[in-house]
Amino acid sequence: MNSANERKFAMVLVAIDGSDLSMKASKFAIDFAKKYASKLFAINVRQIPVGALYASTVGPVGEIIEQQEMEIERCFAEIRKKSADANLELHTETIGHFKSVYADLVEYSERENIDLIVIGSRGKTGFVKLLLGSVASGVVTYARCPVMVIK
């Protein structure tokens, strides 16, 4: 990549929600980051059930949140292993869901100066069969950097 017109991808973000497509996106992101010697960010935006806004985090809601955290940690562990095997620098993080999932991902990407976002075309959110996926669509629409959508 010697040409001044070619884009450098020093910082690559992959959005992880535990879905098969997000894990497929992570594999692509790892391969891409290895090719370009990029730092990889695997980011999960915590999905808090609507009822949790009004209920205590104990009982059934607490169990749902705990299950989500365990599932994401399993995903992160798999990504850590594959990234280590590829000799990649990796940062994993779960961030809060303060606005919308796509807005949180876009803001994170801007704050961290991400050069490329990799995201699955659909995730685990409720309306998975309707469109491209509301999260992927929002990221594509509002991100200032290139977005690669994995099917």
N, C-alpha and C. Protein backbone atom coordinates (compact mmCIF):
# COMPACT_ATOMS: atom_id res chain seq x y z
N MET A 1 0.84 -1.19 0.00
CA MET A 1 0.00 0.00 0.00
C MET A 1 0.89 1.25 0.00
N ASN A 2 1.49 1.52 -1.09
CA ASN A 2 2.38 2.67 -1.16
C ASN A 2 1.71 3.90 -1.74
N SER A 3 0.64 3.73 -2.45
CA SER A 3 -0.03 4.84 -3.08
C SER A 3 -0.68 5.74 -2.05
N ALA A 4 -0.53 7.04 -2.22
CA ALA A 4 -1.13 8.01 -1.31
C ALA A 4 -2.65 7.97 -1.38
N ASN A 5 -3.20 7.47 -2.48
CA ASN A 5 -4.65 7.41 -2.64
C ASN A 5 -5.28 6.18 -1.99
N GLU A 6 -4.46 5.21 -1.62
CA GLU A 6 -5.00 4.00 -1.01
C GLU A 6 -5.27 4.24 0.46
N ARG A 7 -6.41 3.76 0.92
CA ARG A 7 -6.83 3.97 2.31
C ARG A 7 -6.09 3.01 3.23
N LYS A 8 -5.67 3.53 4.37
CA LYS A 8 -5.06 2.70 5.40
C LYS A 8 -6.13 2.30 6.40
N PHE A 9 -6.07 1.07 6.83
CA PHE A 9 -7.04 0.54 7.78
C PHE A 9 -6.32 0.13 9.06
N ALA A 10 -5.86 1.11 9.80
CA ALA A 10 -5.11 0.85 11.02
C ALA A 10 -5.99 0.38 12.16
N MET A 11 -7.26 0.80 12.15
CA MET A 11 -8.18 0.49 13.24
C MET A 11 -9.47 -0.09 12.65
N VAL A 12 -9.75 -1.35 12.98
CA VAL A 12 -10.92 -2.05 12.45
C VAL A 12 -11.82 -2.44 13.63
N LEU A 13 -13.10 -2.12 13.50
CA LEU A 13 -14.09 -2.46 14.53
C LEU A 13 -15.03 -3.52 13.99
N VAL A 14 -15.30 -4.53 14.80
CA VAL A 14 -16.32 -5.53 14.44
C VAL A 14 -17.37 -5.51 15.55
N ALA A 15 -18.63 -5.44 15.15
CA ALA A 15 -19.75 -5.43 16.09
C ALA A 15 -20.15 -6.86 16.40
N ILE A 16 -20.23 -7.19 17.69
CA ILE A 16 -20.52 -8.55 18.14
C ILE A 16 -21.81 -8.54 18.96
N ASP A 17 -22.77 -9.39 18.57
CA ASP A 17 -23.99 -9.53 19.37
C ASP A 17 -24.29 -10.98 19.72
N GLY A 18 -23.39 -11.89 19.37
CA GLY A 18 -23.59 -13.30 19.66
C GLY A 18 -24.25 -14.06 18.54
N SER A 19 -24.74 -13.38 17.52
CA SER A 19 -25.38 -14.06 16.40
C SER A 19 -24.34 -14.74 15.52
N ASP A 20 -24.81 -15.70 14.72
CA ASP A 20 -23.91 -16.38 13.79
C ASP A 20 -23.28 -15.39 12.82
N LEU A 21 -24.07 -14.43 12.35
CA LEU A 21 -23.53 -13.45 11.39
C LEU A 21 -22.50 -12.53 12.02
N SER A 22 -22.66 -12.20 13.30
CA SER A 22 -21.64 -11.35 13.93
C SER A 22 -20.33 -12.13 14.09
N MET A 23 -20.43 -13.44 14.34
CA MET A 23 -19.22 -14.24 14.45
C MET A 23 -18.58 -14.45 13.08
N LYS A 24 -19.41 -14.56 12.05
CA LYS A 24 -18.88 -14.62 10.68
C LYS A 24 -18.17 -13.29 10.36
N ALA A 25 -18.77 -12.18 10.79
CA ALA A 25 -18.15 -10.86 10.59
C ALA A 25 -16.82 -10.79 11.34
N SER A 26 -16.75 -11.38 12.54
CA SER A 26 -15.50 -11.35 13.30
C SER A 26 -14.40 -12.11 12.58
N LYS A 27 -14.75 -13.24 11.97
CA LYS A 27 -13.74 -14.00 11.20
C LYS A 27 -13.22 -13.16 10.03
N PHE A 28 -14.14 -12.51 9.33
CA PHE A 28 -13.72 -11.65 8.23
C PHE A 28 -12.84 -10.51 8.75
N ALA A 29 -13.26 -9.88 9.86
CA ALA A 29 -12.50 -8.76 10.42
C ALA A 29 -11.09 -9.18 10.85
N ILE A 30 -10.98 -10.38 11.42
CA ILE A 30 -9.66 -10.88 11.83
C ILE A 30 -8.78 -11.08 10.60
N ASP A 31 -9.31 -11.71 9.56
CA ASP A 31 -8.54 -11.92 8.33
C ASP A 31 -8.14 -10.59 7.71
N PHE A 32 -9.06 -9.64 7.68
CA PHE A 32 -8.80 -8.32 7.12
C PHE A 32 -7.73 -7.59 7.94
N ALA A 33 -7.89 -7.61 9.27
CA ALA A 33 -6.93 -6.93 10.15
C ALA A 33 -5.54 -7.55 10.02
N LYS A 34 -5.48 -8.85 9.86
CA LYS A 34 -4.18 -9.51 9.68
C LYS A 34 -3.53 -9.03 8.38
N LYS A 35 -4.31 -8.97 7.31
CA LYS A 35 -3.78 -8.55 6.01
C LYS A 35 -3.22 -7.12 6.07
N TYR A 36 -3.90 -6.23 6.80
CA TYR A 36 -3.50 -4.83 6.84
C TYR A 36 -2.76 -4.45 8.12
N ALA A 37 -2.41 -5.44 8.95
CA ALA A 37 -1.71 -5.19 10.22
C ALA A 37 -2.46 -4.15 11.06
N SER A 38 -3.77 -4.33 11.16
CA SER A 38 -4.64 -3.40 11.87
C SER A 38 -4.81 -3.80 13.32
N LYS A 39 -5.16 -2.83 14.15
CA LYS A 39 -5.63 -3.10 15.50
C LYS A 39 -7.12 -3.42 15.38
N LEU A 40 -7.56 -4.45 16.08
CA LEU A 40 -8.95 -4.90 15.98
C LEU A 40 -9.70 -4.58 17.27
N PHE A 41 -10.90 -4.03 17.11
CA PHE A 41 -11.80 -3.75 18.21
C PHE A 41 -13.03 -4.63 18.04
N ALA A 42 -13.31 -5.50 19.00
CA ALA A 42 -14.54 -6.30 18.99
C ALA A 42 -15.44 -5.68 20.05
N ILE A 43 -16.55 -5.11 19.60
CA ILE A 43 -17.40 -4.32 20.48
C ILE A 43 -18.80 -4.92 20.52
N ASN A 44 -19.33 -5.01 21.73
CA ASN A 44 -20.71 -5.43 21.96
C ASN A 44 -21.44 -4.26 22.60
N VAL A 45 -22.64 -3.98 22.10
CA VAL A 45 -23.48 -2.98 22.74
C VAL A 45 -24.51 -3.75 23.54
N ARG A 46 -24.48 -3.54 24.85
CA ARG A 46 -25.37 -4.29 25.75
C ARG A 46 -26.82 -4.04 25.39
N GLN A 47 -27.54 -5.13 25.15
CA GLN A 47 -28.97 -5.09 24.86
C GLN A 47 -29.71 -5.31 26.17
N ILE A 48 -30.29 -4.28 26.71
CA ILE A 48 -31.04 -4.41 27.95
C ILE A 48 -32.51 -4.61 27.61
N PRO A 49 -33.13 -5.69 28.09
CA PRO A 49 -34.54 -5.92 27.81
C PRO A 49 -35.38 -4.73 28.26
N VAL A 50 -36.43 -4.41 27.51
CA VAL A 50 -37.28 -3.27 27.82
C VAL A 50 -37.76 -3.31 29.26
N GLY A 51 -38.14 -4.47 29.74
CA GLY A 51 -38.62 -4.60 31.10
C GLY A 51 -37.59 -4.22 32.15
N ALA A 52 -36.32 -4.31 31.80
CA ALA A 52 -35.27 -3.98 32.76
C ALA A 52 -35.25 -2.49 33.08
N LEU A 53 -35.80 -1.70 32.20
CA LEU A 53 -35.85 -0.27 32.47
C LEU A 53 -36.76 0.04 33.64
N TYR A 54 -37.72 -0.85 33.89
CA TYR A 54 -38.70 -0.62 34.94
C TYR A 54 -38.61 -1.63 36.08
N ALA A 55 -37.78 -2.66 35.91
CA ALA A 55 -37.70 -3.72 36.91
C ALA A 55 -36.32 -3.74 37.54
N SER A 56 -36.23 -4.45 38.62
CA SER A 56 -34.96 -4.65 39.30
C SER A 56 -34.09 -5.57 38.45
N THR A 57 -32.78 -5.55 38.65
CA THR A 57 -31.89 -6.44 37.91
C THR A 57 -31.69 -7.75 38.67
N VAL A 58 -32.66 -8.13 39.46
CA VAL A 58 -32.64 -9.44 40.10
C VAL A 58 -33.78 -10.26 39.51
N GLY A 59 -33.77 -11.54 39.75
CA GLY A 59 -34.84 -12.37 39.22
C GLY A 59 -34.66 -12.61 37.75
N PRO A 60 -35.78 -12.78 37.01
CA PRO A 60 -35.73 -13.14 35.59
C PRO A 60 -34.94 -12.14 34.74
N VAL A 61 -35.09 -10.84 34.98
CA VAL A 61 -34.36 -9.85 34.18
C VAL A 61 -32.87 -9.97 34.42
N GLY A 62 -32.50 -10.13 35.68
CA GLY A 62 -31.09 -10.31 36.02
C GLY A 62 -30.51 -11.54 35.36
N GLU A 63 -31.31 -12.62 35.30
CA GLU A 63 -30.86 -13.85 34.66
C GLU A 63 -30.66 -13.65 33.15
N ILE A 64 -31.56 -12.91 32.52
CA ILE A 64 -31.42 -12.63 31.08
C ILE A 64 -30.14 -11.86 30.82
N ILE A 65 -29.88 -10.84 31.62
CA ILE A 65 -28.66 -10.03 31.45
C ILE A 65 -27.44 -10.89 31.68
N GLU A 66 -27.46 -11.74 32.69
CA GLU A 66 -26.33 -12.61 32.99
C GLU A 66 -26.08 -13.58 31.84
N GLN A 67 -27.15 -14.15 31.26
CA GLN A 67 -27.00 -15.05 30.11
C GLN A 67 -26.38 -14.32 28.93
N GLN A 68 -26.84 -13.09 28.67
CA GLN A 68 -26.28 -12.31 27.57
C GLN A 68 -24.79 -12.06 27.79
N GLU A 69 -24.43 -11.70 29.01
CA GLU A 69 -23.01 -11.43 29.31
C GLU A 69 -22.16 -12.68 29.13
N MET A 70 -22.68 -13.84 29.56
CA MET A 70 -21.93 -15.09 29.40
C MET A 70 -21.76 -15.43 27.92
N GLU A 71 -22.82 -15.23 27.14
CA GLU A 71 -22.75 -15.52 25.70
C GLU A 71 -21.73 -14.61 25.01
N ILE A 72 -21.76 -13.34 25.33
CA ILE A 72 -20.81 -12.41 24.71
C ILE A 72 -19.39 -12.73 25.15
N GLU A 73 -19.20 -13.10 26.41
CA GLU A 73 -17.86 -13.45 26.86
C GLU A 73 -17.34 -14.68 26.11
N ARG A 74 -18.22 -15.66 25.83
CA ARG A 74 -17.81 -16.82 25.02
C ARG A 74 -17.38 -16.37 23.61
N CYS A 75 -18.14 -15.43 23.04
CA CYS A 75 -17.78 -14.90 21.72
C CYS A 75 -16.44 -14.19 21.78
N PHE A 76 -16.26 -13.34 22.79
CA PHE A 76 -14.99 -12.62 22.94
C PHE A 76 -13.82 -13.59 23.12
N ALA A 77 -14.03 -14.67 23.88
CA ALA A 77 -12.96 -15.66 24.09
C ALA A 77 -12.54 -16.28 22.76
N GLU A 78 -13.52 -16.62 21.92
CA GLU A 78 -13.22 -17.19 20.60
C GLU A 78 -12.46 -16.18 19.74
N ILE A 79 -12.90 -14.93 19.78
CA ILE A 79 -12.24 -13.89 18.99
C ILE A 79 -10.82 -13.63 19.52
N ARG A 80 -10.64 -13.65 20.85
CA ARG A 80 -9.30 -13.46 21.43
C ARG A 80 -8.35 -14.54 20.94
N LYS A 81 -8.83 -15.80 20.94
CA LYS A 81 -7.97 -16.91 20.51
C LYS A 81 -7.59 -16.75 19.04
N LYS A 82 -8.57 -16.49 18.19
CA LYS A 82 -8.29 -16.34 16.76
C LYS A 82 -7.38 -15.14 16.49
N SER A 83 -7.57 -14.06 17.24
CA SER A 83 -6.73 -12.88 17.07
C SER A 83 -5.30 -13.16 17.53
N ALA A 84 -5.15 -13.88 18.63
CA ALA A 84 -3.81 -14.24 19.12
C ALA A 84 -3.11 -15.14 18.11
N ASP A 85 -3.86 -16.09 17.54
CA ASP A 85 -3.28 -16.96 16.52
C ASP A 85 -2.81 -16.17 15.30
N ALA A 86 -3.48 -15.03 15.03
CA ALA A 86 -3.12 -14.18 13.89
C ALA A 86 -2.15 -13.06 14.29
N ASN A 87 -1.69 -13.09 15.55
CA ASN A 87 -0.77 -12.07 16.07
C ASN A 87 -1.34 -10.66 15.95
N LEU A 88 -2.62 -10.52 16.27
CA LEU A 88 -3.27 -9.21 16.18
C LEU A 88 -3.41 -8.58 17.55
N GLU A 89 -3.32 -7.26 17.58
CA GLU A 89 -3.67 -6.52 18.78
C GLU A 89 -5.19 -6.41 18.81
N LEU A 90 -5.79 -6.79 19.92
CA LEU A 90 -7.25 -6.85 20.03
C LEU A 90 -7.70 -6.12 21.28
N HIS A 91 -8.78 -5.37 21.13
CA HIS A 91 -9.46 -4.74 22.26
C HIS A 91 -10.91 -5.20 22.24
N THR A 92 -11.39 -5.80 23.34
CA THR A 92 -12.79 -6.19 23.43
C THR A 92 -13.47 -5.34 24.49
N GLU A 93 -14.72 -5.01 24.23
CA GLU A 93 -15.44 -4.17 25.20
C GLU A 93 -16.94 -4.30 24.97
N THR A 94 -17.67 -4.29 26.07
CA THR A 94 -19.13 -4.14 26.02
C THR A 94 -19.43 -2.73 26.46
N ILE A 95 -20.16 -2.02 25.62
CA ILE A 95 -20.50 -0.64 25.95
C ILE A 95 -21.99 -0.55 26.26
N GLY A 96 -22.37 0.48 26.98
CA GLY A 96 -23.76 0.67 27.37
C GLY A 96 -24.62 1.05 26.19
N HIS A 97 -25.89 0.80 26.34
CA HIS A 97 -26.87 1.11 25.29
C HIS A 97 -27.61 2.35 25.77
N PHE A 98 -27.12 3.52 25.35
CA PHE A 98 -27.67 4.78 25.85
C PHE A 98 -28.62 5.44 24.85
N LYS A 99 -28.37 5.25 23.59
CA LYS A 99 -29.20 5.86 22.56
C LYS A 99 -29.86 4.74 21.77
N SER A 100 -29.20 4.34 20.71
CA SER A 100 -29.59 3.15 19.97
C SER A 100 -28.30 2.38 19.74
N VAL A 101 -28.43 1.12 19.42
CA VAL A 101 -27.24 0.30 19.22
C VAL A 101 -26.37 0.90 18.12
N TYR A 102 -26.99 1.27 16.99
CA TYR A 102 -26.17 1.80 15.90
C TYR A 102 -25.55 3.14 16.27
N ALA A 103 -26.26 3.99 17.00
CA ALA A 103 -25.70 5.28 17.40
C ALA A 103 -24.50 5.08 18.34
N ASP A 104 -24.62 4.12 19.26
CA ASP A 104 -23.50 3.84 20.16
C ASP A 104 -22.29 3.31 19.39
N LEU A 105 -22.53 2.44 18.41
CA LEU A 105 -21.42 1.93 17.59
C LEU A 105 -20.77 3.05 16.78
N VAL A 106 -21.58 3.90 16.17
CA VAL A 106 -21.05 5.00 15.36
C VAL A 106 -20.26 5.97 16.24
N GLU A 107 -20.80 6.34 17.38
CA GLU A 107 -20.08 7.25 18.28
C GLU A 107 -18.77 6.64 18.75
N TYR A 108 -18.79 5.36 19.09
CA TYR A 108 -17.57 4.68 19.50
C TYR A 108 -16.54 4.72 18.37
N SER A 109 -16.99 4.43 17.16
CA SER A 109 -16.06 4.42 16.02
C SER A 109 -15.44 5.80 15.80
N GLU A 110 -16.21 6.84 15.99
CA GLU A 110 -15.67 8.20 15.84
C GLU A 110 -14.69 8.53 16.95
N ARG A 111 -15.04 8.17 18.17
CA ARG A 111 -14.18 8.46 19.33
C ARG A 111 -12.83 7.74 19.21
N GLU A 112 -12.85 6.52 18.68
CA GLU A 112 -11.62 5.71 18.59
C GLU A 112 -10.93 5.83 17.23
N ASN A 113 -11.43 6.70 16.37
CA ASN A 113 -10.84 6.91 15.04
C ASN A 113 -10.75 5.61 14.23
N ILE A 114 -11.84 4.88 14.23
CA ILE A 114 -11.92 3.61 13.51
C ILE A 114 -11.91 3.90 12.00
N ASP A 115 -11.17 3.07 11.27
CA ASP A 115 -11.05 3.23 9.81
C ASP A 115 -12.03 2.37 9.03
N LEU A 116 -12.54 1.30 9.65
CA LEU A 116 -13.47 0.38 8.99
C LEU A 116 -14.32 -0.29 10.05
N ILE A 117 -15.63 -0.36 9.81
CA ILE A 117 -16.55 -1.10 10.67
C ILE A 117 -17.02 -2.33 9.90
N VAL A 118 -16.93 -3.50 10.55
CA VAL A 118 -17.42 -4.74 9.97
C VAL A 118 -18.61 -5.18 10.82
N ILE A 119 -19.74 -5.47 10.16
CA ILE A 119 -20.95 -5.80 10.89
C ILE A 119 -21.75 -6.85 10.11
N GLY A 120 -22.42 -7.72 10.83
CA GLY A 120 -23.29 -8.70 10.19
C GLY A 120 -24.53 -8.01 9.65
N SER A 121 -25.08 -8.56 8.58
CA SER A 121 -26.24 -7.93 7.95
C SER A 121 -27.47 -7.97 8.85
N ARG A 122 -27.56 -8.97 9.69
CA ARG A 122 -28.66 -9.06 10.65
C ARG A 122 -28.09 -9.62 11.95
N GLY A 123 -28.71 -9.24 13.05
CA GLY A 123 -28.23 -9.71 14.34
C GLY A 123 -29.32 -10.37 15.14
N LYS A 124 -29.22 -10.23 16.43
CA LYS A 124 -30.15 -10.90 17.34
C LYS A 124 -31.35 -10.05 17.71
N THR A 125 -31.44 -8.83 17.23
CA THR A 125 -32.56 -7.99 17.62
C THR A 125 -33.85 -8.52 17.02
N GLY A 126 -34.96 -8.08 17.56
CA GLY A 126 -36.27 -8.65 17.29
C GLY A 126 -36.71 -8.80 15.86
N PHE A 127 -36.49 -7.84 15.00
CA PHE A 127 -37.06 -7.87 13.66
C PHE A 127 -36.05 -8.34 12.63
N VAL A 128 -35.40 -9.46 12.90
CA VAL A 128 -34.28 -9.90 12.08
C VAL A 128 -34.62 -10.17 10.63
N LYS A 129 -35.83 -10.46 10.30
CA LYS A 129 -36.17 -10.85 8.93
C LYS A 129 -36.69 -9.69 8.09
N LEU A 130 -36.88 -8.52 8.66
CA LEU A 130 -37.55 -7.45 7.92
C LEU A 130 -36.71 -6.80 6.84
N LEU A 131 -35.59 -6.23 7.20
CA LEU A 131 -34.80 -5.46 6.23
C LEU A 131 -33.36 -5.91 6.29
N LEU A 132 -32.47 -5.01 5.95
CA LEU A 132 -31.04 -5.28 6.08
C LEU A 132 -30.73 -5.60 7.53
N GLY A 133 -31.47 -5.03 8.43
CA GLY A 133 -31.20 -5.10 9.86
C GLY A 133 -31.10 -3.67 10.32
N SER A 134 -31.87 -3.31 11.31
CA SER A 134 -31.91 -1.90 11.70
C SER A 134 -30.56 -1.41 12.20
N VAL A 135 -29.81 -2.25 12.90
CA VAL A 135 -28.50 -1.83 13.39
C VAL A 135 -27.54 -1.64 12.22
N ALA A 136 -27.44 -2.65 11.36
CA ALA A 136 -26.54 -2.54 10.20
C ALA A 136 -26.92 -1.35 9.33
N SER A 137 -28.21 -1.18 9.10
CA SER A 137 -28.68 -0.06 8.28
C SER A 137 -28.30 1.28 8.90
N GLY A 138 -28.48 1.41 10.22
CA GLY A 138 -28.12 2.65 10.91
C GLY A 138 -26.63 2.93 10.85
N VAL A 139 -25.82 1.88 11.03
CA VAL A 139 -24.37 2.07 10.97
C VAL A 139 -23.95 2.49 9.57
N VAL A 140 -24.49 1.82 8.54
CA VAL A 140 -24.17 2.19 7.15
C VAL A 140 -24.57 3.63 6.88
N THR A 141 -25.72 4.04 7.37
CA THR A 141 -26.23 5.39 7.12
C THR A 141 -25.41 6.47 7.80
N TYR A 142 -25.00 6.25 9.06
CA TYR A 142 -24.43 7.34 9.85
C TYR A 142 -22.93 7.28 10.10
N ALA A 143 -22.29 6.17 9.84
CA ALA A 143 -20.85 6.07 10.08
C ALA A 143 -20.08 6.97 9.12
N ARG A 144 -19.02 7.56 9.60
CA ARG A 144 -18.18 8.43 8.76
C ARG A 144 -17.07 7.65 8.06
N CYS A 145 -16.88 6.40 8.47
CA CYS A 145 -15.85 5.57 7.85
C CYS A 145 -16.55 4.49 7.01
N PRO A 146 -15.79 3.78 6.19
CA PRO A 146 -16.40 2.69 5.42
C PRO A 146 -16.98 1.61 6.34
N VAL A 147 -18.05 0.99 5.86
CA VAL A 147 -18.70 -0.10 6.59
C VAL A 147 -18.79 -1.30 5.67
N MET A 148 -18.35 -2.45 6.16
CA MET A 148 -18.47 -3.68 5.40
C MET A 148 -19.54 -4.53 6.06
N VAL A 149 -20.59 -4.86 5.31
CA VAL A 149 -21.69 -5.65 5.82
C VAL A 149 -21.49 -7.09 5.35
N ILE A 150 -21.49 -8.01 6.31
CA ILE A 150 -21.24 -9.42 6.02
C ILE A 150 -22.56 -10.18 6.02
N LYS A 151 -22.80 -10.95 4.94
CA LYS A 151 -24.03 -11.76 4.83
C LYS A 151 -23.71 -13.20 5.15
